[in-house]
Amino acid sequence: MDQEQYTELAELAGGFIHEIKNHLSTLGLNLQLLGEDFQEPQNLRERRALERVQRLQNECQRLVDVSNDFLRFARIMDLHLEPTDLAALVEDLVVFFGPMAVTDKIDIKCYFPSDLPPVALDRDMFKQALLNLLLNAQQAMPTGGELTIQAARDDHAVVLNLIDTGKGMAPEVVAKAFHPFFSTRDGGTGLGLPTTRKIVQAHGGTIEVQSELGRGTKFTIRLPAAPTPAASLEAPHE
């Protein structure tokens, strides 16, 4: 599929999902009004009606969540690339994610060499990719653990590793980890990791996953270093 066909398909999918969301919004509003009618049930029949309305509200919200995730997945097209200090970007994201990590007893450690070359990134888009991985690690460590983020230069590329001490994944789960709509988590849309891979690939990079049940998971992202001399590409820390 060439870029023009991809753009046309993405726009078609976006319009379709937007139309669905409009109907879901109307449905959700009517369910809210119906729920208010049964807010103080007087008998068993009304209590059951309220429970059914609440279940429908939850399903409606799940469809909205899936729609939003799909829109993000479908709209990864043109990137606004800028030479970026990867260490600064990661540190900025860790500061944002930090309160959730503290609450969940997750210790985050970052290791970046001083000579790491800049990489050409769409900063907001790449932050979304990394946030998906941080959330994935958080969900894999429900009782706490350690998340190590480390980077290294490798010839004309930069390698970024995210290693957690979570519950890990079985081989059959690892094989499907990047498949759209595949999820082992209740309520998960199955689009977080596929979106991350799509963003990484849009940057000319690759992402791989290694995991072992009971020991944890390691995601490895490989990105091309910025093609121009580092001296002229120095980007300010965010």
C-alpha atoms as a PDB file:
ATOM      1  CA  MET A   1       0.000   0.000   0.000  1.00  0.00           C
ATOM      2  CA  ASP A   2       1.456   3.364  -1.020  1.00  0.00           C
ATOM      3  CA  GLN A   3       1.254   6.537   1.093  1.00  0.00           C
ATOM      4  CA  GLU A   4      -1.709   7.952  -0.853  1.00  0.00           C
ATOM      5  CA  GLN A   5      -3.759   4.777  -0.388  1.00  0.00           C
ATOM      6  CA  TYR A   6      -2.797   4.630   3.279  1.00  0.00           C
ATOM      7  CA  THR A   7      -3.832   8.249   3.826  1.00  0.00           C
ATOM      8  CA  GLU A   8      -7.158   7.679   2.083  1.00  0.00           C
ATOM      9  CA  LEU A   9      -7.853   4.544   4.137  1.00  0.00           C
ATOM     10  CA  ALA A  10      -6.878   6.281   7.390  1.00  0.00           C
ATOM     11  CA  GLU A  11      -9.196   9.198   6.611  1.00  0.00           C
ATOM     12  CA  LEU A  12     -12.034   6.800   5.760  1.00  0.00           C
ATOM     13  CA  ALA A  13     -11.516   4.849   8.974  1.00  0.00           C
ATOM     14  CA  GLY A  14     -11.292   8.069  10.982  1.00  0.00           C
ATOM     15  CA  GLY A  15     -14.576   9.340   9.553  1.00  0.00           C
ATOM     16  CA  PHE A  16     -16.254   6.014  10.200  1.00  0.00           C
ATOM     17  CA  ILE A  17     -15.106   5.878  13.832  1.00  0.00           C
ATOM     18  CA  HIS A  18     -16.072   9.526  14.349  1.00  0.00           C
ATOM     19  CA  GLU A  19     -19.612   8.720  13.171  1.00  0.00           C
ATOM     20  CA  ILE A  20     -19.782   5.751  15.534  1.00  0.00           C
ATOM     21  CA  LYS A  21     -18.631   7.960  18.416  1.00  0.00           C
ATOM     22  CA  ASN A  22     -21.460  10.410  17.674  1.00  0.00           C
ATOM     23  CA  HIS A  23     -24.004   7.609  18.028  1.00  0.00           C
ATOM     24  CA  LEU A  24     -22.273   6.310  21.154  1.00  0.00           C
ATOM     25  CA  SER A  25     -22.485   9.784  22.656  1.00  0.00           C
ATOM     26  CA  THR A  26     -26.243   9.863  22.063  1.00  0.00           C
ATOM     27  CA  LEU A  27     -26.610   6.341  23.441  1.00  0.00           C
ATOM     28  CA  GLY A  28     -24.543   7.185  26.513  1.00  0.00           C
ATOM     29  CA  LEU A  29     -26.607  10.304  27.239  1.00  0.00           C
ATOM     30  CA  ASN A  30     -29.862   8.355  27.048  1.00  0.00           C
ATOM     31  CA  LEU A  31     -28.469   5.631  29.304  1.00  0.00           C
ATOM     32  CA  GLN A  32     -27.434   8.290  31.807  1.00  0.00           C
ATOM     33  CA  LEU A  33     -30.967   9.734  31.826  1.00  0.00           C
ATOM     34  CA  LEU A  34     -32.456   6.255  32.145  1.00  0.00           C
ATOM     35  CA  GLY A  35     -30.111   5.473  35.020  1.00  0.00           C
ATOM     36  CA  GLU A  36     -31.243   8.622  36.810  1.00  0.00           C
ATOM     37  CA  ASP A  37     -34.858   7.415  36.568  1.00  0.00           C
ATOM     38  CA  PHE A  38     -33.878   4.269  38.479  1.00  0.00           C
ATOM     39  CA  GLN A  39     -31.373   5.917  40.814  1.00  0.00           C
ATOM     40  CA  GLU A  40     -33.517   5.084  43.853  1.00  0.00           C
ATOM     41  CA  PRO A  41     -35.021   1.671  43.009  1.00  0.00           C
ATOM     42  CA  GLN A  42     -38.170   0.842  44.902  1.00  0.00           C
ATOM     43  CA  ASN A  43     -38.300  -2.887  44.225  1.00  0.00           C
ATOM     44  CA  LEU A  44     -36.321  -5.833  42.844  1.00  0.00           C
ATOM     45  CA  ARG A  45     -37.439  -5.150  39.269  1.00  0.00           C
ATOM     46  CA  GLU A  46     -36.125  -1.583  39.388  1.00  0.00           C
ATOM     47  CA  ARG A  47     -32.834  -2.689  40.978  1.00  0.00           C
ATOM     48  CA  ARG A  48     -32.324  -5.167  38.149  1.00  0.00           C
ATOM     49  CA  ALA A  49     -33.158  -2.466  35.603  1.00  0.00           C
ATOM     50  CA  LEU A  50     -30.581  -0.149  37.177  1.00  0.00           C
ATOM     51  CA  GLU A  51     -27.921  -2.889  37.078  1.00  0.00           C
ATOM     52  CA  ARG A  52     -28.636  -3.516  33.390  1.00  0.00           C
ATOM     53  CA  VAL A  53     -28.406   0.190  32.605  1.00  0.00           C
ATOM     54  CA  GLN A  54     -25.061   0.419  34.451  1.00  0.00           C
ATOM     55  CA  ARG A  55     -23.690  -2.572  32.528  1.00  0.00           C
ATOM     56  CA  LEU A  56     -24.749  -0.957  29.263  1.00  0.00           C
ATOM     57  CA  GLN A  57     -23.071   2.285  30.328  1.00  0.00           C
ATOM     58  CA  ASN A  58     -19.825   0.396  30.991  1.00  0.00           C
ATOM     59  CA  GLU A  59     -19.994  -1.299  27.589  1.00  0.00           C
ATOM     60  CA  CYS A  60     -20.730   2.029  25.914  1.00  0.00           C
ATOM     61  CA  GLN A  61     -17.663   3.591  27.571  1.00  0.00           C
ATOM     62  CA  ARG A  62     -15.537   0.619  26.488  1.00  0.00           C
ATOM     63  CA  LEU A  63     -16.595   1.192  22.873  1.00  0.00           C
ATOM     64  CA  VAL A  64     -15.625   4.857  23.219  1.00  0.00           C
ATOM     65  CA  ASP A  65     -12.199   3.823  24.571  1.00  0.00           C
ATOM     66  CA  VAL A  66     -11.685   1.366  21.699  1.00  0.00           C
ATOM     67  CA  SER A  67     -12.728   4.047  19.204  1.00  0.00           C
ATOM     68  CA  ASN A  68     -10.272   6.585  20.638  1.00  0.00           C
ATOM     69  CA  ASP A  69      -7.420   4.053  20.610  1.00  0.00           C
ATOM     70  CA  PHE A  70      -8.243   3.059  17.033  1.00  0.00           C
ATOM     71  CA  LEU A  71      -8.231   6.689  15.903  1.00  0.00           C
ATOM     72  CA  ARG A  72      -4.754   7.139  17.385  1.00  0.00           C
ATOM     73  CA  PHE A  73      -3.647   3.927  15.671  1.00  0.00           C
ATOM     74  CA  ALA A  74      -5.083   4.909  12.273  1.00  0.00           C
ATOM     75  CA  ARG A  75      -3.776   8.487  12.241  1.00  0.00           C
ATOM     76  CA  ILE A  76      -0.051   7.785  12.601  1.00  0.00           C
ATOM     77  CA  MET A  77       1.047   9.224   9.281  1.00  0.00           C
ATOM     78  CA  ASP A  78       3.106  12.355   8.811  1.00  0.00           C
ATOM     79  CA  LEU A  79       5.613  12.947  11.598  1.00  0.00           C
ATOM     80  CA  HIS A  80       7.146  16.285  12.568  1.00  0.00           C
ATOM     81  CA  LEU A  81      10.712  15.191  13.209  1.00  0.00           C
ATOM     82  CA  GLU A  82      13.171  17.200  15.253  1.00  0.00           C
ATOM     83  CA  PRO A  83      16.683  16.304  16.462  1.00  0.00           C
ATOM     84  CA  THR A  84      16.014  15.248  20.046  1.00  0.00           C
ATOM     85  CA  ASP A  85      17.970  14.460  23.174  1.00  0.00           C
ATOM     86  CA  LEU A  86      16.473  11.043  23.926  1.00  0.00           C
ATOM     87  CA  ALA A  87      17.647  11.047  27.540  1.00  0.00           C
ATOM     88  CA  ALA A  88      15.919  14.368  28.225  1.00  0.00           C
ATOM     89  CA  LEU A  89      12.702  13.170  26.574  1.00  0.00           C
ATOM     90  CA  VAL A  90      12.644   9.963  28.622  1.00  0.00           C
ATOM     91  CA  GLU A  91      13.430  11.800  31.853  1.00  0.00           C
ATOM     92  CA  ASP A  92      10.604  14.235  31.163  1.00  0.00           C
ATOM     93  CA  LEU A  93       8.183  11.341  30.633  1.00  0.00           C
ATOM     94  CA  VAL A  94       9.386   9.576  33.790  1.00  0.00           C
ATOM     95  CA  VAL A  95       8.682  12.739  35.804  1.00  0.00           C
ATOM     96  CA  PHE A  96       5.139  12.728  34.398  1.00  0.00           C
ATOM     97  CA  PHE A  97       4.689   9.006  35.107  1.00  0.00           C
ATOM     98  CA  GLY A  98       6.431   9.175  38.494  1.00  0.00           C
ATOM     99  CA  PRO A  99       3.405   9.723  40.774  1.00  0.00           C
ATOM    100  CA  MET A 100       1.674   6.624  39.369  1.00  0.00           C
ATOM    101  CA  ALA A 101       4.882   4.616  39.783  1.00  0.00           C
ATOM    102  CA  VAL A 102       5.236   5.688  43.415  1.00  0.00           C
ATOM    103  CA  THR A 103       1.614   4.778  44.137  1.00  0.00           C
ATOM    104  CA  ASP A 104       2.150   1.324  42.612  1.00  0.00           C
ATOM    105  CA  LYS A 105       5.530   0.815  44.336  1.00  0.00           C
ATOM    106  CA  ILE A 106       7.459   0.767  41.072  1.00  0.00           C
ATOM    107  CA  ASP A 107      11.079   1.912  41.218  1.00  0.00           C
ATOM    108  CA  ILE A 108      12.218   3.454  37.916  1.00  0.00           C
ATOM    109  CA  LYS A 109      15.934   3.614  37.149  1.00  0.00           C
ATOM    110  CA  CYS A 110      17.372   5.352  34.079  1.00  0.00           C
ATOM    111  CA  TYR A 111      20.855   4.860  32.605  1.00  0.00           C
ATOM    112  CA  PHE A 112      22.010   6.991  29.672  1.00  0.00           C
ATOM    113  CA  PRO A 113      25.586   7.471  28.436  1.00  0.00           C
ATOM    114  CA  SER A 114      26.857  11.023  28.064  1.00  0.00           C
ATOM    115  CA  ASP A 115      27.813  10.514  24.401  1.00  0.00           C
ATOM    116  CA  LEU A 116      24.365   9.385  23.208  1.00  0.00           C
ATOM    117  CA  PRO A 117      23.731  10.968  19.787  1.00  0.00           C
ATOM    118  CA  PRO A 118      20.471  12.833  19.103  1.00  0.00           C
ATOM    119  CA  VAL A 119      17.668  11.057  17.276  1.00  0.00           C
ATOM    120  CA  ALA A 120      15.085  12.527  14.903  1.00  0.00           C
ATOM    121  CA  LEU A 121      11.737  12.254  16.700  1.00  0.00           C
ATOM    122  CA  ASP A 122       8.214  13.519  16.626  1.00  0.00           C
ATOM    123  CA  ARG A 123       8.399  14.205  20.349  1.00  0.00           C
ATOM    124  CA  ASP A 124       4.713  14.019  21.248  1.00  0.00           C
ATOM    125  CA  MET A 125       4.156  10.908  19.150  1.00  0.00           C
ATOM    126  CA  PHE A 126       7.212   9.132  20.540  1.00  0.00           C
ATOM    127  CA  LYS A 127       6.233  10.030  24.096  1.00  0.00           C
ATOM    128  CA  GLN A 128       2.905   8.306  23.445  1.00  0.00           C
ATOM    129  CA  ALA A 129       4.756   5.191  22.285  1.00  0.00           C
ATOM    130  CA  LEU A 130       6.906   5.143  25.429  1.00  0.00           C
ATOM    131  CA  LEU A 131       3.925   5.870  27.683  1.00  0.00           C
ATOM    132  CA  ASN A 132       2.221   2.776  26.301  1.00  0.00           C
ATOM    133  CA  LEU A 133       5.273   0.742  27.327  1.00  0.00           C
ATOM    134  CA  LEU A 134       5.341   2.316  30.802  1.00  0.00           C
ATOM    135  CA  LEU A 135       1.664   1.496  31.285  1.00  0.00           C
ATOM    136  CA  ASN A 136       2.302  -2.031  30.047  1.00  0.00           C
ATOM    137  CA  ALA A 137       5.062  -2.421  32.660  1.00  0.00           C
ATOM    138  CA  GLN A 138       2.806  -0.961  35.356  1.00  0.00           C
ATOM    139  CA  GLN A 139       0.092  -3.505  34.585  1.00  0.00           C
ATOM    140  CA  ALA A 140       2.663  -6.320  34.645  1.00  0.00           C
ATOM    141  CA  MET A 141       3.760  -5.365  38.185  1.00  0.00           C
ATOM    142  CA  PRO A 142       0.524  -5.090  40.211  1.00  0.00           C
ATOM    143  CA  THR A 143       2.378  -5.561  43.516  1.00  0.00           C
ATOM    144  CA  GLY A 144       5.322  -3.347  42.596  1.00  0.00           C
ATOM    145  CA  GLY A 145       8.731  -3.979  41.104  1.00  0.00           C
ATOM    146  CA  GLU A 146      11.541  -2.337  39.187  1.00  0.00           C
ATOM    147  CA  LEU A 147      11.587  -0.744  35.748  1.00  0.00           C
ATOM    148  CA  THR A 148      14.978  -0.105  34.177  1.00  0.00           C
ATOM    149  CA  ILE A 149      15.308   2.230  31.192  1.00  0.00           C
ATOM    150  CA  GLN A 150      18.693   2.258  29.499  1.00  0.00           C
ATOM    151  CA  ALA A 151      20.100   3.458  26.201  1.00  0.00           C
ATOM    152  CA  ALA A 152      23.293   2.897  24.241  1.00  0.00           C
ATOM    153  CA  ARG A 153      24.911   3.904  20.978  1.00  0.00           C
ATOM    154  CA  ASP A 154      25.185   1.108  18.403  1.00  0.00           C
ATOM    155  CA  ASP A 155      27.025   2.189  15.251  1.00  0.00           C
ATOM    156  CA  HIS A 156      24.675   4.674  13.561  1.00  0.00           C
ATOM    157  CA  ALA A 157      21.739   3.802  15.780  1.00  0.00           C
ATOM    158  CA  VAL A 158      20.501   4.297  19.331  1.00  0.00           C
ATOM    159  CA  VAL A 159      19.137   1.328  21.273  1.00  0.00           C
ATOM    160  CA  LEU A 160      16.614   1.922  24.060  1.00  0.00           C
ATOM    161  CA  ASN A 161      15.710  -0.883  26.481  1.00  0.00           C
ATOM    162  CA  LEU A 162      12.809  -0.966  28.941  1.00  0.00           C
ATOM    163  CA  ILE A 163      13.087  -3.880  31.368  1.00  0.00           C
ATOM    164  CA  ASP A 164      10.520  -4.703  34.039  1.00  0.00           C
ATOM    165  CA  THR A 165      10.475  -7.320  36.791  1.00  0.00           C
ATOM    166  CA  GLY A 166       6.820  -8.150  36.254  1.00  0.00           C
ATOM    167  CA  LYS A 167       4.938 -11.366  35.741  1.00  0.00           C
ATOM    168  CA  GLY A 168       6.193 -11.818  32.181  1.00  0.00           C
ATOM    169  CA  MET A 169       4.440 -13.371  29.201  1.00  0.00           C
ATOM    170  CA  ALA A 170       4.165 -16.908  27.879  1.00  0.00           C
ATOM    171  CA  PRO A 171       5.698 -17.546  24.406  1.00  0.00           C
ATOM    172  CA  GLU A 172       2.276 -17.712  22.741  1.00  0.00           C
ATOM    173  CA  VAL A 173       1.397 -14.306  24.224  1.00  0.00           C
ATOM    174  CA  VAL A 174       4.731 -12.790  23.145  1.00  0.00           C
ATOM    175  CA  ALA A 175       4.041 -13.980  19.587  1.00  0.00           C
ATOM    176  CA  LYS A 176       0.787 -11.982  19.521  1.00  0.00           C
ATOM    177  CA  ALA A 177       1.865  -8.981  21.627  1.00  0.00           C
ATOM    178  CA  PHE A 178       1.869  -6.559  18.682  1.00  0.00           C
ATOM    179  CA  HIS A 179      -1.297  -7.906  17.040  1.00  0.00           C
ATOM    180  CA  PRO A 180      -4.116  -5.313  16.949  1.00  0.00           C
ATOM    181  CA  PHE A 181      -6.968  -6.005  19.387  1.00  0.00           C
ATOM    182  CA  PHE A 182      -5.100  -8.804  21.180  1.00  0.00           C
ATOM    183  CA  SER A 183      -5.095  -8.266  24.948  1.00  0.00           C
ATOM    184  CA  THR A 184      -4.784 -10.441  28.043  1.00  0.00           C
ATOM    185  CA  ARG A 185      -6.012  -7.649  30.320  1.00  0.00           C
ATOM    186  CA  ASP A 186      -9.668  -7.278  31.262  1.00  0.00           C
ATOM    187  CA  GLY A 187     -10.954  -4.120  29.639  1.00  0.00           C
ATOM    188  CA  GLY A 188      -7.874  -3.708  27.442  1.00  0.00           C
ATOM    189  CA  THR A 189      -8.393  -2.546  23.861  1.00  0.00           C
ATOM    190  CA  GLY A 190      -5.379  -4.417  22.506  1.00  0.00           C
ATOM    191  CA  LEU A 191      -4.103  -1.369  20.627  1.00  0.00           C
ATOM    192  CA  GLY A 192      -1.434  -0.013  22.994  1.00  0.00           C
ATOM    193  CA  LEU A 193       1.494  -2.145  21.832  1.00  0.00           C
ATOM    194  CA  PRO A 194       0.460  -2.166  18.135  1.00  0.00           C
ATOM    195  CA  THR A 195       0.300   1.635  18.276  1.00  0.00           C
ATOM    196  CA  THR A 196       3.751   1.751  19.858  1.00  0.00           C
ATOM    197  CA  ARG A 197       5.201  -0.473  17.137  1.00  0.00           C
ATOM    198  CA  LYS A 198       3.569   1.600  14.422  1.00  0.00           C
ATOM    199  CA  ILE A 199       5.020   4.807  15.876  1.00  0.00           C
ATOM    200  CA  VAL A 200       8.498   3.289  16.176  1.00  0.00           C
ATOM    201  CA  GLN A 201       8.356   1.989  12.606  1.00  0.00           C
ATOM    202  CA  ALA A 202       7.187   5.408  11.373  1.00  0.00           C
ATOM    203  CA  HIS A 203      10.449   6.751  12.845  1.00  0.00           C
ATOM    204  CA  GLY A 204      12.423   4.232  10.806  1.00  0.00           C
ATOM    205  CA  GLY A 205      13.035   2.079  13.865  1.00  0.00           C
ATOM    206  CA  THR A 206      12.257  -1.399  15.135  1.00  0.00           C
ATOM    207  CA  ILE A 207      10.885  -2.794  18.380  1.00  0.00           C
ATOM    208  CA  GLU A 208      11.286  -6.289  19.798  1.00  0.00           C
ATOM    209  CA  VAL A 209      10.079  -7.981  22.964  1.00  0.00           C
ATOM    210  CA  GLN A 210      11.587 -10.724  25.099  1.00  0.00           C
ATOM    211  CA  SER A 211       9.737 -12.121  28.086  1.00  0.00           C
ATOM    212  CA  GLU A 212       9.760 -14.973  30.560  1.00  0.00           C
ATOM    213  CA  LEU A 213       6.948 -15.946  32.880  1.00  0.00           C
ATOM    214  CA  GLY A 214       7.698 -14.988  36.452  1.00  0.00           C
ATOM    215  CA  ARG A 215      10.837 -13.007  35.559  1.00  0.00           C
ATOM    216  CA  GLY A 216       9.757  -9.996  33.530  1.00  0.00           C
ATOM    217  CA  THR A 217       9.761  -8.424  30.102  1.00  0.00           C
ATOM    218  CA  LYS A 218      12.259  -6.479  28.001  1.00  0.00           C
ATOM    219  CA  PHE A 219      11.299  -4.186  25.122  1.00  0.00           C
ATOM    220  CA  THR A 220      14.099  -3.102  22.800  1.00  0.00           C
ATOM    221  CA  ILE A 221      13.678  -0.116  20.495  1.00  0.00           C
ATOM    222  CA  ARG A 222      16.307   0.584  17.851  1.00  0.00           C
ATOM    223  CA  LEU A 223      16.267   4.034  16.218  1.00  0.00           C
ATOM    224  CA  PRO A 224      18.529   5.594  13.595  1.00  0.00           C
ATOM    225  CA  ALA A 225      20.732   8.360  14.952  1.00  0.00           C
ATOM    226  CA  ALA A 226      20.121  11.819  13.520  1.00  0.00           C
ATOM    227  CA  PRO A 227      21.839  11.930  10.103  1.00  0.00           C
ATOM    228  CA  THR A 228      23.451  15.355  10.469  1.00  0.00           C
ATOM    229  CA  PRO A 229      26.447  16.234  12.651  1.00  0.00           C
ATOM    230  CA  ALA A 230      25.623  16.188  16.350  1.00  0.00           C
ATOM    231  CA  ALA A 231      27.148  19.607  16.901  1.00  0.00           C
ATOM    232  CA  SER A 232      24.565  21.300  14.709  1.00  0.00           C
ATOM    233  CA  LEU A 233      21.676  19.198  15.979  1.00  0.00           C
ATOM    234  CA  GLU A 234      21.899  19.822  19.667  1.00  0.00           C
ATOM    235  CA  ALA A 235      18.373  20.106  20.992  1.00  0.00           C
ATOM    236  CA  PRO A 236      17.484  21.802  24.264  1.00  0.00           C
ATOM    237  CA  HIS A 237      16.244  19.664  27.125  1.00  0.00           C
ATOM    238  CA  GLU A 238      12.496  19.736  27.455  1.00  0.00           C
END
